[in-house]
Protein backbone atom coordinates (compact mmCIF):
# COMPACT_ATOMS: atom_id res chain seq x y z
CA LYS A 1 57.99 121.98 95.65
CA SER A 2 59.83 121.12 98.84
CA GLU A 3 59.15 117.39 98.38
CA ASN A 4 60.82 117.52 94.97
CA VAL A 5 63.83 119.31 96.44
CA ALA A 6 64.18 116.73 99.20
CA ALA A 7 63.98 113.86 96.73
CA SER A 8 66.37 115.38 94.22
CA SER A 9 69.05 116.11 96.80
CA ALA A 10 69.21 112.58 98.19
CA PRO A 11 72.84 111.84 99.16
CA ALA A 12 73.17 109.05 96.60
CA ASP A 13 72.02 111.35 93.79
CA LEU A 14 74.41 114.09 94.85
CA ALA A 15 77.26 111.59 95.08
CA ARG A 16 76.55 110.48 91.51
CA ALA A 17 76.46 114.12 90.36
CA VAL A 18 79.87 114.79 91.93
CA ALA A 19 81.24 111.62 90.33
CA GLU A 20 80.03 112.84 86.92
CA ILE A 21 81.92 116.11 87.41
CA GLN A 22 85.06 114.17 88.34
CA LEU A 23 84.88 112.20 85.10
CA GLY A 24 85.84 115.38 83.26
CA ALA A 25 89.43 115.37 81.97
CA SER A 26 89.47 118.97 80.70
CA GLN A 27 88.08 122.22 82.05
CA ARG A 28 85.46 122.30 79.32
CA GLU A 29 84.25 118.79 80.21
CA ILE A 30 84.25 119.56 83.93
CA LEU A 31 82.27 122.77 83.54
CA ARG A 32 79.79 121.21 81.16
CA ALA A 33 79.26 118.47 83.74
CA LEU A 34 78.72 121.13 86.40
CA LEU A 35 75.99 122.73 84.29
CA ASP A 36 74.41 119.38 83.43
CA THR A 37 74.31 118.20 87.04
CA SER A 38 73.24 121.60 88.38
CA SER A 39 70.27 121.58 86.02
CA ARG A 40 68.86 118.72 88.12
CA TYR A 41 68.75 121.03 91.12
CA ALA A 42 67.72 124.32 89.52
CA THR A 43 65.31 124.99 86.68
CA ARG A 44 67.68 127.52 85.07
CA VAL A 45 71.44 127.62 85.46
CA ALA A 46 74.17 129.54 83.64
CA LEU A 47 77.94 129.83 83.91
CA PHE A 48 79.76 133.13 83.43
CA VAL A 49 83.53 133.41 83.01
CA VAL A 50 85.12 136.09 85.20
CA LYS A 51 88.01 138.29 84.09
CA GLY A 52 88.75 141.03 86.58
CA ASN A 53 85.28 142.21 87.61
CA HIS A 54 83.70 141.31 84.26
CA ALA A 55 81.52 138.21 83.98
CA THR A 56 80.64 136.95 80.50
CA GLY A 57 78.24 134.14 79.62
CA TRP A 58 79.68 130.77 78.58
CA GLN A 59 76.87 128.20 78.55
CA ALA A 60 73.44 127.77 80.15
CA ARG A 61 70.78 125.14 80.76
CA GLY A 62 67.00 125.49 81.12
CA PHE A 63 66.48 128.94 79.60
CA ALA A 64 63.98 129.49 76.79
CA ASN A 65 66.99 130.55 74.71
CA SER A 66 70.05 129.18 76.45
CA ASP A 67 72.30 129.97 73.48
CA ALA A 68 71.63 133.70 73.97
CA VAL A 69 73.33 133.54 77.38
CA LYS A 70 76.64 132.93 75.63
CA ASP A 71 78.69 136.15 75.56
CA PHE A 72 76.08 138.01 77.65
CA ALA A 73 77.98 140.45 79.90
CA LEU A 74 76.58 140.70 83.42
CA ASP A 75 76.33 144.11 85.05
CA GLU A 76 79.28 144.07 87.45
CA HIS A 77 77.59 146.77 89.53
CA ALA A 78 74.52 144.65 90.24
CA ARG A 79 74.67 143.90 93.97
CA ALA A 80 74.43 140.12 93.58
CA VAL A 81 77.19 140.03 90.96
CA SER A 82 79.46 142.36 92.91
CA ARG A 83 78.99 140.41 96.12
CA ALA A 84 79.92 137.14 94.44
CA ILE A 85 83.01 138.53 92.66
CA VAL A 86 84.34 140.95 95.27
CA ASP A 87 83.22 139.35 98.54
CA ARG A 88 83.48 135.80 97.19
CA VAL A 89 80.27 134.70 98.87
CA VAL A 90 77.18 132.94 97.61
CA SER A 91 74.53 135.54 97.00
CA CYS A 92 70.85 134.69 97.50
CA SER A 93 69.35 137.84 96.09
CA PRO A 94 65.94 139.34 95.39
CA VAL A 95 65.39 140.37 91.78
CA ALA A 96 66.15 144.00 92.67
CA GLU A 97 69.78 142.99 93.31
CA LEU A 98 70.15 140.93 90.12
CA ASP A 99 71.18 142.21 86.69
CA ALA A 100 68.07 144.06 85.41
CA ARG A 101 69.00 143.68 81.74
CA PHE A 102 69.58 139.95 82.19
CA LEU A 103 66.11 139.57 83.72
CA ARG A 104 64.51 141.62 80.96
CA GLU A 105 66.12 139.46 78.31
CA PHE A 106 65.68 136.04 79.89
CA GLY A 107 62.72 136.45 82.24
CA THR A 108 62.29 137.15 85.94
CA PRO A 109 62.24 134.11 88.26
CA ALA A 110 58.75 133.46 89.60
CA SER A 111 60.15 132.97 93.10
CA GLY A 112 61.43 136.55 93.12
CA GLU A 113 65.04 135.57 93.77
CA GLY A 114 68.14 134.10 92.17
CA ARG A 115 71.44 132.67 93.37
CA VAL A 116 74.90 133.71 92.26
CA LEU A 117 77.67 131.33 93.31
CA PRO A 118 81.39 132.09 92.89
CA LEU A 119 83.53 129.28 91.50
CA MET A 120 87.04 129.61 92.91
CA LEU A 121 90.24 128.56 91.16
CA LYS A 122 93.71 129.34 92.51
CA ASP A 123 92.31 131.76 95.11
CA LYS A 124 90.44 133.78 92.50
CA VAL A 125 86.84 133.88 91.38
CA ALA A 126 87.18 132.23 87.98
CA ALA A 127 83.49 131.93 87.16
CA LEU A 128 80.00 132.62 88.45
CA VAL A 129 77.14 130.17 88.45
CA TYR A 130 73.72 131.79 88.25
CA ALA A 131 70.70 129.69 89.21
CA ASP A 132 67.01 130.25 89.75
CA SER A 133 63.73 128.33 89.78
CA GLY A 134 62.62 129.61 86.39
CA THR A 135 59.64 131.67 85.36
CA ASP A 136 57.13 129.01 86.43
CA ALA A 137 55.99 128.97 90.07
CA SER A 138 56.52 125.18 90.21
CA GLY A 139 60.22 125.45 89.37
CA LEU A 140 63.08 123.86 91.28
CA LEU A 141 65.95 125.43 93.21
CA ASP A 142 67.99 123.39 95.68
CA ALA A 143 70.55 125.84 97.05
CA GLY A 144 72.46 123.34 99.19
CA ALA A 145 72.99 120.91 96.32
CA LEU A 146 74.19 123.71 94.05
CA GLU A 147 76.75 124.90 96.59
CA LEU A 148 78.09 121.38 96.98
CA LEU A 149 78.40 120.91 93.21
CA VAL A 150 80.21 124.24 92.77
CA LEU A 151 82.62 123.48 95.63
CA SER A 152 83.28 120.01 94.19
CA THR A 153 83.92 121.48 90.76
CA SER A 154 86.35 124.03 92.18
CA ALA A 155 88.30 121.29 93.97
CA TRP A 156 88.37 119.04 90.88
CA LEU A 157 89.55 121.89 88.65
CA GLU A 158 92.43 122.46 91.08
CA VAL A 159 93.35 118.77 91.03
CA ASN A 160 93.12 118.66 87.25
CA SER A 161 95.31 121.76 86.91
CA LEU A 162 97.97 120.42 89.28
CA ARG A 163 97.98 117.05 87.52
CA LYS A 164 98.55 118.66 84.11
CA SER A 165 101.29 120.90 85.51
CA ALA A 166 103.06 117.87 86.95
CA GLN A 167 102.87 116.07 83.60
CA LYS A 168 104.24 119.06 81.68
CA GLU A 169 107.11 119.87 84.03
CA PRO A 170 108.94 116.73 85.12
CA SER A 171 111.37 117.42 87.93
CA ALA A 172 115.14 117.34 87.33
CA GLY A 173 115.64 114.33 89.59
CA GLN A 174 113.75 111.07 89.92
CA THR A 175 111.16 112.55 92.28
CA ASP A 176 107.52 112.80 91.36
CA GLY A 177 105.98 116.14 90.39
CA PRO A 178 103.99 116.70 93.63
CA SER A 179 107.17 116.39 95.74
CA ALA A 180 108.65 119.58 94.27
CA PRO A 181 106.14 122.30 95.28
CA THR A 182 108.79 125.03 95.50
CA GLU A 183 109.13 125.30 91.73
CA ALA A 184 106.59 127.83 90.52
CA PRO A 185 105.51 127.59 86.87
CA SER A 186 107.49 130.00 84.72
CA ARG A 187 104.47 130.94 82.65
CA PRO A 188 100.69 130.93 83.10
CA GLY A 189 99.25 127.50 82.45
CA PRO A 190 97.07 127.21 79.36
CA GLN A 191 94.42 125.56 81.48
CA THR A 192 93.33 128.75 83.27
CA VAL A 193 89.58 129.22 83.16
CA PRO A 194 89.36 131.99 80.50
CA ALA A 195 91.03 129.61 78.03
CA PHE A 196 87.82 127.65 77.45
CA ARG A 197 85.65 130.73 76.94
CA SER A 198 85.86 130.83 73.17
CA GLU A 199 85.41 127.09 72.78
CA GLU A 200 82.14 125.22 72.52
């Protein structure tokens, strides 16, 4: 109901949700916090790790069988999925544009639509957040709050990644890590998003 949405997205509540995400010290903690906080603003929410154009389930909240979302491969040709990965835009899509197999397995949202939000990291879509109001007509979906949480998570992941890079690669002189931006890492950092995929 709209009154529930208005109450749940009060600025103070959103600020607390963002603060919870920023308590995370690792990618796994940060993304779990994203799912936990997002579940206050959507009845069902799931995170999918993106490699290339492939999106694979990591964790979910609010589904009848959330564990089954893990390792579920989204149809990259579904319009909502493609739009989020290729165009990098939030997709508010009718069920016809969502992954048909996903809906068959987990249930079609009663509202007739779902949201797919790209989570950016280092100028790439690192993950997708799927959210809907669930299979009950009285479910909750606050699109604005979800977008804010995903954007906040993206920014915090960037900060966390830069902080760890600075700690691992002290500069030759006495200067602090952030003052030497010209030195590119010689190898991919182990904190890239796919690294947490196989971990609980």
